[in-house]
Amino acid sequence: MLADDSATFNKSYSNAVIPSKANNYFYHSYKDTRSTTTRLQEIETALNAEGYSATKRASLKGYQIGIYYVDKYYGDTDDTGLGIILAKPTN
């Protein structure tokens, strides 16, 4: 899993955008019973609140999106890497 501060990531991508509020909705605790559809709606609402509306997201020309998501709780999953990152390839 590449993080925005890893040397490999920084050689390959620039202008990283990490919507932290939206990324909070990717975590699944074992008590979480929200559906994937509900979680997606929460993520979209959070992206909009952070200034990344559908129009803004569509205008990010040249960006690639990386998503790490699990659809249910897995005790051995590294939850710290869950979420969305947007970045431009450097080449």
PDB file of N, CA and C in Angstrom:
ATOM      1  N   MET A   1       0.845  -1.186   0.000  1.00  0.00           N
ATOM      2  CA  MET A   1       0.000   0.000   0.000  1.00  0.00           C
ATOM      3  C   MET A   1       0.879   1.235   0.000  1.00  0.00           C
ATOM      4  N   LEU A   2       0.677   2.086  -0.960  1.00  0.00           N
ATOM      5  CA  LEU A   2       1.443   3.323  -1.045  1.00  0.00           C
ATOM      6  C   LEU A   2       0.774   4.406  -0.232  1.00  0.00           C
ATOM      7  N   ALA A   3       1.541   5.139   0.487  1.00  0.00           N
ATOM      8  CA  ALA A   3       1.043   6.290   1.244  1.00  0.00           C
ATOM      9  C   ALA A   3       1.540   7.549   0.546  1.00  0.00           C
ATOM     10  N   ASP A   4       0.897   8.650   0.813  1.00  0.00           N
ATOM     11  CA  ASP A   4       1.271   9.894   0.143  1.00  0.00           C
ATOM     12  C   ASP A   4       2.655  10.380   0.531  1.00  0.00           C
ATOM     13  N   ASP A   5       3.252   9.827   1.585  1.00  0.00           N
ATOM     14  CA  ASP A   5       4.579  10.267   2.004  1.00  0.00           C
ATOM     15  C   ASP A   5       5.666   9.243   1.681  1.00  0.00           C
ATOM     16  N   SER A   6       5.343   8.177   0.961  1.00  0.00           N
ATOM     17  CA  SER A   6       6.355   7.175   0.651  1.00  0.00           C
ATOM     18  C   SER A   6       7.220   7.643  -0.510  1.00  0.00           C
ATOM     19  N   ALA A   7       8.469   7.217  -0.517  1.00  0.00           N
ATOM     20  CA  ALA A   7       9.404   7.619  -1.565  1.00  0.00           C
ATOM     21  C   ALA A   7       8.933   7.124  -2.924  1.00  0.00           C
ATOM     22  N   THR A   8       8.400   5.913  -3.000  1.00  0.00           N
ATOM     23  CA  THR A   8       7.916   5.370  -4.271  1.00  0.00           C
ATOM     24  C   THR A   8       6.760   6.200  -4.802  1.00  0.00           C
ATOM     25  N   PHE A   9       5.841   6.551  -3.934  1.00  0.00           N
ATOM     26  CA  PHE A   9       4.697   7.372  -4.353  1.00  0.00           C
ATOM     27  C   PHE A   9       5.177   8.721  -4.870  1.00  0.00           C
ATOM     28  N   ASN A  10       6.060   9.367  -4.143  1.00  0.00           N
ATOM     29  CA  ASN A  10       6.525  10.707  -4.509  1.00  0.00           C
ATOM     30  C   ASN A  10       7.302  10.718  -5.819  1.00  0.00           C
ATOM     31  N   LYS A  11       7.915   9.610  -6.222  1.00  0.00           N
ATOM     32  CA  LYS A  11       8.603   9.532  -7.508  1.00  0.00           C
ATOM     33  C   LYS A  11       7.615   9.379  -8.656  1.00  0.00           C
ATOM     34  N   SER A  12       6.458   8.828  -8.382  1.00  0.00           N
ATOM     35  CA  SER A  12       5.500   8.509  -9.436  1.00  0.00           C
ATOM     36  C   SER A  12       4.332   9.476  -9.537  1.00  0.00           C
ATOM     37  N   TYR A  13       4.022  10.202  -8.462  1.00  0.00           N
ATOM     38  CA  TYR A  13       2.833  11.058  -8.429  1.00  0.00           C
ATOM     39  C   TYR A  13       3.142  12.406  -7.796  1.00  0.00           C
ATOM     40  N   SER A  14       2.322  13.396  -8.145  1.00  0.00           N
ATOM     41  CA  SER A  14       2.429  14.725  -7.541  1.00  0.00           C
ATOM     42  C   SER A  14       1.024  15.246  -7.271  1.00  0.00           C
ATOM     43  N   ASN A  15       0.954  16.370  -6.575  1.00  0.00           N
ATOM     44  CA  ASN A  15      -0.321  17.050  -6.293  1.00  0.00           C
ATOM     45  C   ASN A  15      -1.343  16.139  -5.621  1.00  0.00           C
ATOM     46  N   ALA A  16      -0.912  15.373  -4.657  1.00  0.00           N
ATOM     47  CA  ALA A  16      -1.813  14.435  -3.980  1.00  0.00           C
ATOM     48  C   ALA A  16      -2.897  15.167  -3.204  1.00  0.00           C
ATOM     49  N   VAL A  17      -4.102  14.631  -3.282  1.00  0.00           N
ATOM     50  CA  VAL A  17      -5.260  15.136  -2.545  1.00  0.00           C
ATOM     51  C   VAL A  17      -5.779  13.968  -1.716  1.00  0.00           C
ATOM     52  N   ILE A  18      -5.849  14.159  -0.409  1.00  0.00           N
ATOM     53  CA  ILE A  18      -6.377  13.128   0.480  1.00  0.00           C
ATOM     54  C   ILE A  18      -7.562  13.728   1.226  1.00  0.00           C
ATOM     55  N   PRO A  19      -8.772  13.373   0.828  1.00  0.00           N
ATOM     56  CA  PRO A  19      -9.962  13.920   1.490  1.00  0.00           C
ATOM     57  C   PRO A  19     -10.196  13.231   2.837  1.00  0.00           C
ATOM     58  N   SER A  20      -9.593  13.751   3.883  1.00  0.00           N
ATOM     59  CA  SER A  20      -9.575  13.073   5.180  1.00  0.00           C
ATOM     60  C   SER A  20     -10.952  12.829   5.782  1.00  0.00           C
ATOM     61  N   LYS A  21     -11.865  13.772   5.635  1.00  0.00           N
ATOM     62  CA  LYS A  21     -13.208  13.568   6.198  1.00  0.00           C
ATOM     63  C   LYS A  21     -13.914  12.420   5.493  1.00  0.00           C
ATOM     64  N   ALA A  22     -13.793  12.364   4.182  1.00  0.00           N
ATOM     65  CA  ALA A  22     -14.401  11.264   3.422  1.00  0.00           C
ATOM     66  C   ALA A  22     -13.747   9.935   3.788  1.00  0.00           C
ATOM     67  N   ASN A  23     -12.442   9.953   4.001  1.00  0.00           N
ATOM     68  CA  ASN A  23     -11.736   8.714   4.316  1.00  0.00           C
ATOM     69  C   ASN A  23     -12.160   8.120   5.655  1.00  0.00           C
ATOM     70  N   ASN A  24     -12.694   8.935   6.540  1.00  0.00           N
ATOM     71  CA  ASN A  24     -13.180   8.414   7.821  1.00  0.00           C
ATOM     72  C   ASN A  24     -14.299   7.394   7.646  1.00  0.00           C
ATOM     73  N   TYR A  25     -15.019   7.460   6.538  1.00  0.00           N
ATOM     74  CA  TYR A  25     -16.152   6.556   6.313  1.00  0.00           C
ATOM     75  C   TYR A  25     -15.743   5.202   5.729  1.00  0.00           C
ATOM     76  N   PHE A  26     -14.470   4.999   5.480  1.00  0.00           N
ATOM     77  CA  PHE A  26     -13.998   3.727   4.939  1.00  0.00           C
ATOM     78  C   PHE A  26     -13.772   2.683   6.030  1.00  0.00           C
ATOM     79  N   TYR A  27     -13.576   3.114   7.246  1.00  0.00           N
ATOM     80  CA  TYR A  27     -13.271   2.199   8.349  1.00  0.00           C
ATOM     81  C   TYR A  27     -14.510   1.409   8.756  1.00  0.00           C
ATOM     82  N   HIS A  28     -14.327   0.113   8.963  1.00  0.00           N
ATOM     83  CA  HIS A  28     -15.399  -0.779   9.435  1.00  0.00           C
ATOM     84  C   HIS A  28     -15.012  -1.338  10.797  1.00  0.00           C
ATOM     85  N   SER A  29     -15.748  -1.020  11.811  1.00  0.00           N
ATOM     86  CA  SER A  29     -15.542  -1.714  13.084  1.00  0.00           C
ATOM     87  C   SER A  29     -16.401  -2.970  13.061  1.00  0.00           C
ATOM     88  N   TYR A  30     -16.153  -3.868  13.951  1.00  0.00           N
ATOM     89  CA  TYR A  30     -16.938  -5.102  13.973  1.00  0.00           C
ATOM     90  C   TYR A  30     -18.391  -4.849  14.343  1.00  0.00           C
ATOM     91  N   LYS A  31     -18.703  -3.695  14.928  1.00  0.00           N
ATOM     92  CA  LYS A  31     -20.074  -3.353  15.302  1.00  0.00           C
ATOM     93  C   LYS A  31     -20.807  -2.583  14.204  1.00  0.00           C
ATOM     94  N   ASP A  32     -20.110  -2.229  13.138  1.00  0.00           N
ATOM     95  CA  ASP A  32     -20.679  -1.401  12.083  1.00  0.00           C
ATOM     96  C   ASP A  32     -21.600  -2.228  11.192  1.00  0.00           C
ATOM     97  N   THR A  33     -22.860  -1.831  11.099  1.00  0.00           N
ATOM     98  CA  THR A  33     -23.822  -2.576  10.290  1.00  0.00           C
ATOM     99  C   THR A  33     -24.307  -1.782   9.076  1.00  0.00           C
ATOM    100  N   ARG A  34     -23.676  -0.627   8.804  1.00  0.00           N
ATOM    101  CA  ARG A  34     -24.087   0.165   7.637  1.00  0.00           C
ATOM    102  C   ARG A  34     -23.778  -0.587   6.345  1.00  0.00           C
ATOM    103  N   SER A  35     -24.660  -0.461   5.377  1.00  0.00           N
ATOM    104  CA  SER A  35     -24.457  -1.109   4.082  1.00  0.00           C
ATOM    105  C   SER A  35     -23.406  -0.345   3.278  1.00  0.00           C
ATOM    106  N   THR A  36     -22.886  -0.999   2.257  1.00  0.00           N
ATOM    107  CA  THR A  36     -21.942  -0.340   1.366  1.00  0.00           C
ATOM    108  C   THR A  36     -22.598   0.849   0.681  1.00  0.00           C
ATOM    109  N   THR A  37     -23.868   0.733   0.325  1.00  0.00           N
ATOM    110  CA  THR A  37     -24.601   1.838  -0.309  1.00  0.00           C
ATOM    111  C   THR A  37     -24.686   3.039   0.622  1.00  0.00           C
ATOM    112  N   THR A  38     -25.011   2.801   1.882  1.00  0.00           N
ATOM    113  CA  THR A  38     -25.074   3.890   2.861  1.00  0.00           C
ATOM    114  C   THR A  38     -23.707   4.526   3.036  1.00  0.00           C
ATOM    115  N   ARG A  39     -22.684   3.710   3.138  1.00  0.00           N
ATOM    116  CA  ARG A  39     -21.320   4.222   3.314  1.00  0.00           C
ATOM    117  C   ARG A  39     -20.906   5.056   2.099  1.00  0.00           C
ATOM    118  N   LEU A  40     -21.257   4.613   0.891  1.00  0.00           N
ATOM    119  CA  LEU A  40     -20.940   5.371  -0.316  1.00  0.00           C
ATOM    120  C   LEU A  40     -21.620   6.739  -0.295  1.00  0.00           C
ATOM    121  N   GLN A  41     -22.861   6.785   0.148  1.00  0.00           N
ATOM    122  CA  GLN A  41     -23.570   8.067   0.254  1.00  0.00           C
ATOM    123  C   GLN A  41     -22.877   8.983   1.269  1.00  0.00           C
ATOM    124  N   GLU A  42     -22.413   8.418   2.378  1.00  0.00           N
ATOM    125  CA  GLU A  42     -21.696   9.211   3.390  1.00  0.00           C
ATOM    126  C   GLU A  42     -20.376   9.735   2.838  1.00  0.00           C
ATOM    127  N   ILE A  43     -19.680   8.906   2.065  1.00  0.00           N
ATOM    128  CA  ILE A  43     -18.413   9.322   1.457  1.00  0.00           C
ATOM    129  C   ILE A  43     -18.659  10.460   0.468  1.00  0.00           C
ATOM    130  N   GLU A  44     -19.695  10.324  -0.368  1.00  0.00           N
ATOM    131  CA  GLU A  44     -20.010  11.375  -1.332  1.00  0.00           C
ATOM    132  C   GLU A  44     -20.379  12.682  -0.627  1.00  0.00           C
ATOM    133  N   THR A  45     -21.160  12.611   0.426  1.00  0.00           N
ATOM    134  CA  THR A  45     -21.528  13.798   1.201  1.00  0.00           C
ATOM    135  C   THR A  45     -20.278  14.453   1.790  1.00  0.00           C
ATOM    136  N   ALA A  46     -19.368  13.650   2.320  1.00  0.00           N
ATOM    137  CA  ALA A  46     -18.132  14.184   2.899  1.00  0.00           C
ATOM    138  C   ALA A  46     -17.246  14.803   1.824  1.00  0.00           C
ATOM    139  N   LEU A  47     -17.141  14.165   0.648  1.00  0.00           N
ATOM    140  CA  LEU A  47     -16.366  14.751  -0.452  1.00  0.00           C
ATOM    141  C   LEU A  47     -16.945  16.107  -0.847  1.00  0.00           C
ATOM    142  N   ASN A  48     -18.266  16.187  -0.943  1.00  0.00           N
ATOM    143  CA  ASN A  48     -18.914  17.465  -1.268  1.00  0.00           C
ATOM    144  C   ASN A  48     -18.597  18.517  -0.215  1.00  0.00           C
ATOM    145  N   ALA A  49     -18.644  18.131   1.064  1.00  0.00           N
ATOM    146  CA  ALA A  49     -18.370  19.068   2.161  1.00  0.00           C
ATOM    147  C   ALA A  49     -16.923  19.553   2.142  1.00  0.00           C
ATOM    148  N   GLU A  50     -16.015  18.729   1.625  1.00  0.00           N
ATOM    149  CA  GLU A  50     -14.603  19.112   1.542  1.00  0.00           C
ATOM    150  C   GLU A  50     -14.289  19.903   0.274  1.00  0.00           C
ATOM    151  N   GLY A  51     -15.333  20.171  -0.528  1.00  0.00           N
ATOM    152  CA  GLY A  51     -15.134  20.953  -1.738  1.00  0.00           C
ATOM    153  C   GLY A  51     -14.891  20.117  -2.982  1.00  0.00           C
ATOM    154  N   TYR A  52     -15.102  18.821  -2.903  1.00  0.00           N
ATOM    155  CA  TYR A  52     -14.890  17.931  -4.041  1.00  0.00           C
ATOM    156  C   TYR A  52     -16.228  17.377  -4.534  1.00  0.00           C
ATOM    157  N   SER A  53     -17.069  18.282  -5.039  1.00  0.00           N
ATOM    158  CA  SER A  53     -18.367  17.899  -5.600  1.00  0.00           C
ATOM    159  C   SER A  53     -18.128  17.069  -6.863  1.00  0.00           C
ATOM    160  N   ALA A  54     -19.182  16.491  -7.402  1.00  0.00           N
ATOM    161  CA  ALA A  54     -19.069  15.712  -8.636  1.00  0.00           C
ATOM    162  C   ALA A  54     -18.475  16.572  -9.756  1.00  0.00           C
ATOM    163  N   THR A  55     -18.874  17.838  -9.825  1.00  0.00           N
ATOM    164  CA  THR A  55     -18.345  18.755 -10.843  1.00  0.00           C
ATOM    165  C   THR A  55     -16.853  18.986 -10.643  1.00  0.00           C
ATOM    166  N   LYS A  56     -16.448  19.228  -9.408  1.00  0.00           N
ATOM    167  CA  LYS A  56     -15.027  19.443  -9.104  1.00  0.00           C
ATOM    168  C   LYS A  56     -14.220  18.184  -9.404  1.00  0.00           C
ATOM    169  N   ARG A  57     -14.736  17.027  -9.016  1.00  0.00           N
ATOM    170  CA  ARG A  57     -14.022  15.768  -9.270  1.00  0.00           C
ATOM    171  C   ARG A  57     -13.852  15.537 -10.764  1.00  0.00           C
ATOM    172  N   ALA A  58     -14.877  15.851 -11.543  1.00  0.00           N
ATOM    173  CA  ALA A  58     -14.798  15.681 -12.994  1.00  0.00           C
ATOM    174  C   ALA A  58     -13.802  16.647 -13.624  1.00  0.00           C
ATOM    175  N   SER A  59     -13.558  17.781 -12.976  1.00  0.00           N
ATOM    176  CA  SER A  59     -12.639  18.781 -13.533  1.00  0.00           C
ATOM    177  C   SER A  59     -11.175  18.478 -13.223  1.00  0.00           C
ATOM    178  N   LEU A  60     -10.899  17.508 -12.426  1.00  0.00           N
ATOM    179  CA  LEU A  60      -9.520  17.174 -12.057  1.00  0.00           C
ATOM    180  C   LEU A  60      -8.871  16.369 -13.182  1.00  0.00           C
ATOM    181  N   LYS A  61      -8.569  17.035 -14.267  1.00  0.00           N
ATOM    182  CA  LYS A  61      -8.000  16.390 -15.452  1.00  0.00           C
ATOM    183  C   LYS A  61      -6.587  15.895 -15.162  1.00  0.00           C
ATOM    184  N   GLY A  62      -6.308  14.684 -15.607  1.00  0.00           N
ATOM    185  CA  GLY A  62      -4.983  14.112 -15.451  1.00  0.00           C
ATOM    186  C   GLY A  62      -4.760  13.420 -14.123  1.00  0.00           C
ATOM    187  N   TYR A  63      -5.715  13.512 -13.216  1.00  0.00           N
ATOM    188  CA  TYR A  63      -5.583  12.857 -11.925  1.00  0.00           C
ATOM    189  C   TYR A  63      -5.998  11.392 -12.021  1.00  0.00           C
ATOM    190  N   GLN A  64      -5.396  10.581 -11.198  1.00  0.00           N
ATOM    191  CA  GLN A  64      -5.821   9.196 -11.034  1.00  0.00           C
ATOM    192  C   GLN A  64      -6.344   9.049  -9.614  1.00  0.00           C
ATOM    193  N   ILE A  65      -7.252   8.126  -9.429  1.00  0.00           N
ATOM    194  CA  ILE A  65      -7.821   7.892  -8.112  1.00  0.00           C
ATOM    195  C   ILE A  65      -7.411   6.506  -7.633  1.00  0.00           C
ATOM    196  N   GLY A  66      -7.008   6.460  -6.390  1.00  0.00           N
ATOM    197  CA  GLY A  66      -6.702   5.187  -5.745  1.00  0.00           C
ATOM    198  C   GLY A  66      -7.669   4.990  -4.596  1.00  0.00           C
ATOM    199  N   ILE A  67      -8.254   3.802  -4.524  1.00  0.00           N
ATOM    200  CA  ILE A  67      -9.229   3.498  -3.474  1.00  0.00           C
ATOM    201  C   ILE A  67      -8.849   2.175  -2.824  1.00  0.00           C
ATOM    202  N   TYR A  68      -8.818   2.179  -1.509  1.00  0.00           N
ATOM    203  CA  TYR A  68      -8.630   0.944  -0.748  1.00  0.00           C
ATOM    204  C   TYR A  68      -9.821   0.826   0.181  1.00  0.00           C
ATOM    205  N   TYR A  69     -10.641  -0.194  -0.054  1.00  0.00           N
ATOM    206  CA  TYR A  69     -11.899  -0.354   0.673  1.00  0.00           C
ATOM    207  C   TYR A  69     -12.146  -1.828   0.941  1.00  0.00           C
ATOM    208  N   VAL A  70     -12.624  -2.146   2.111  1.00  0.00           N
ATOM    209  CA  VAL A  70     -13.075  -3.506   2.413  1.00  0.00           C
ATOM    210  C   VAL A  70     -14.556  -3.432   2.732  1.00  0.00           C
ATOM    211  N   ASP A  71     -15.308  -4.430   2.283  1.00  0.00           N
ATOM    212  CA  ASP A  71     -16.762  -4.366   2.410  1.00  0.00           C
ATOM    213  C   ASP A  71     -17.305  -4.894   3.726  1.00  0.00           C
ATOM    214  N   LYS A  72     -16.448  -5.370   4.585  1.00  0.00           N
ATOM    215  CA  LYS A  72     -16.874  -5.785   5.920  1.00  0.00           C
ATOM    216  C   LYS A  72     -15.659  -5.783   6.835  1.00  0.00           C
ATOM    217  N   TYR A  73     -15.896  -5.956   8.107  1.00  0.00           N
ATOM    218  CA  TYR A  73     -14.812  -5.933   9.087  1.00  0.00           C
ATOM    219  C   TYR A  73     -13.947  -7.175   8.948  1.00  0.00           C
ATOM    220  N   TYR A  74     -12.649  -6.963   8.850  1.00  0.00           N
ATOM    221  CA  TYR A  74     -11.669  -8.044   8.884  1.00  0.00           C
ATOM    222  C   TYR A  74     -10.691  -7.695   9.993  1.00  0.00           C
ATOM    223  N   GLY A  75     -10.591  -8.537  10.991  1.00  0.00           N
ATOM    224  CA  GLY A  75      -9.754  -8.247  12.147  1.00  0.00           C
ATOM    225  C   GLY A  75      -8.299  -8.005  11.814  1.00  0.00           C
ATOM    226  N   ASP A  76      -7.802  -8.603  10.726  1.00  0.00           N
ATOM    227  CA  ASP A  76      -6.386  -8.462  10.407  1.00  0.00           C
ATOM    228  C   ASP A  76      -6.110  -7.416   9.327  1.00  0.00           C
ATOM    229  N   THR A  77      -7.092  -6.586   8.985  1.00  0.00           N
ATOM    230  CA  THR A  77      -6.915  -5.547   7.975  1.00  0.00           C
ATOM    231  C   THR A  77      -6.232  -4.327   8.587  1.00  0.00           C
ATOM    232  N   ASP A  78      -5.300  -3.762   7.843  1.00  0.00           N
ATOM    233  CA  ASP A  78      -4.643  -2.528   8.277  1.00  0.00           C
ATOM    234  C   ASP A  78      -5.568  -1.363   7.958  1.00  0.00           C
ATOM    235  N   ASP A  79      -6.355  -0.939   8.928  1.00  0.00           N
ATOM    236  CA  ASP A  79      -7.365   0.094   8.707  1.00  0.00           C
ATOM    237  C   ASP A  79      -6.775   1.462   8.425  1.00  0.00           C
ATOM    238  N   THR A  80      -5.515   1.693   8.759  1.00  0.00           N
ATOM    239  CA  THR A  80      -4.938   3.019   8.583  1.00  0.00           C
ATOM    240  C   THR A  80      -4.767   3.392   7.117  1.00  0.00           C
ATOM    241  N   GLY A  81      -4.773   2.417   6.209  1.00  0.00           N
ATOM    242  CA  GLY A  81      -4.587   2.718   4.790  1.00  0.00           C
ATOM    243  C   GLY A  81      -5.880   2.817   4.003  1.00  0.00           C
ATOM    244  N   LEU A  82      -7.019   2.648   4.662  1.00  0.00           N
ATOM    245  CA  LEU A  82      -8.287   2.686   3.955  1.00  0.00           C
ATOM    246  C   LEU A  82      -8.603   4.094   3.482  1.00  0.00           C
ATOM    247  N   GLY A  83      -9.150   4.215   2.286  1.00  0.00           N
ATOM    248  CA  GLY A  83      -9.596   5.524   1.832  1.00  0.00           C
ATOM    249  C   GLY A  83      -9.312   5.793   0.377  1.00  0.00           C
ATOM    250  N   ILE A  84      -9.382   7.084   0.047  1.00  0.00           N
ATOM    251  CA  ILE A  84      -9.217   7.591  -1.317  1.00  0.00           C
ATOM    252  C   ILE A  84      -7.999   8.514  -1.344  1.00  0.00           C
ATOM    253  N   ILE A  85      -7.262   8.444  -2.433  1.00  0.00           N
ATOM    254  CA  ILE A  85      -6.210   9.417  -2.703  1.00  0.00           C
ATOM    255  C   ILE A  85      -6.290   9.765  -4.184  1.00  0.00           C
ATOM    256  N   LEU A  86      -6.203  11.032  -4.498  1.00  0.00           N
ATOM    257  CA  LEU A  86      -6.185  11.524  -5.870  1.00  0.00           C
ATOM    258  C   LEU A  86      -4.800  12.113  -6.109  1.00  0.00           C
ATOM    259  N   ALA A  87      -4.211  11.830  -7.271  1.00  0.00           N
ATOM    260  CA  ALA A  87      -2.894  12.373  -7.560  1.00  0.00           C
ATOM    261  C   ALA A  87      -2.646  12.341  -9.060  1.00  0.00           C
ATOM    262  N   LYS A  88      -1.702  13.181  -9.510  1.00  0.00           N
ATOM    263  CA  LYS A  88      -1.319  13.226 -10.913  1.00  0.00           C
ATOM    264  C   LYS A  88      -0.062  12.393 -11.116  1.00  0.00           C
ATOM    265  N   PRO A  89      -0.063  11.519 -12.124  1.00  0.00           N
ATOM    266  CA  PRO A  89       1.167  10.807 -12.455  1.00  0.00           C
ATOM    267  C   PRO A  89       2.233  11.795 -12.906  1.00  0.00           C
ATOM    268  N   THR A  90       3.475  11.578 -12.536  1.00  0.00           N
ATOM    269  CA  THR A  90       4.548  12.499 -12.914  1.00  0.00           C
ATOM    270  C   THR A  90       5.054  12.256 -14.326  1.00  0.00           C
ATOM    271  N   ASN A  91       4.739  11.134 -14.909  1.00  0.00           N
ATOM    272  CA  ASN A  91       5.211  10.882 -16.290  1.00  0.00           C
ATOM    273  C   ASN A  91       4.077  10.673 -17.239  1.00  0.00           C
TER     274      ASN A  91
END
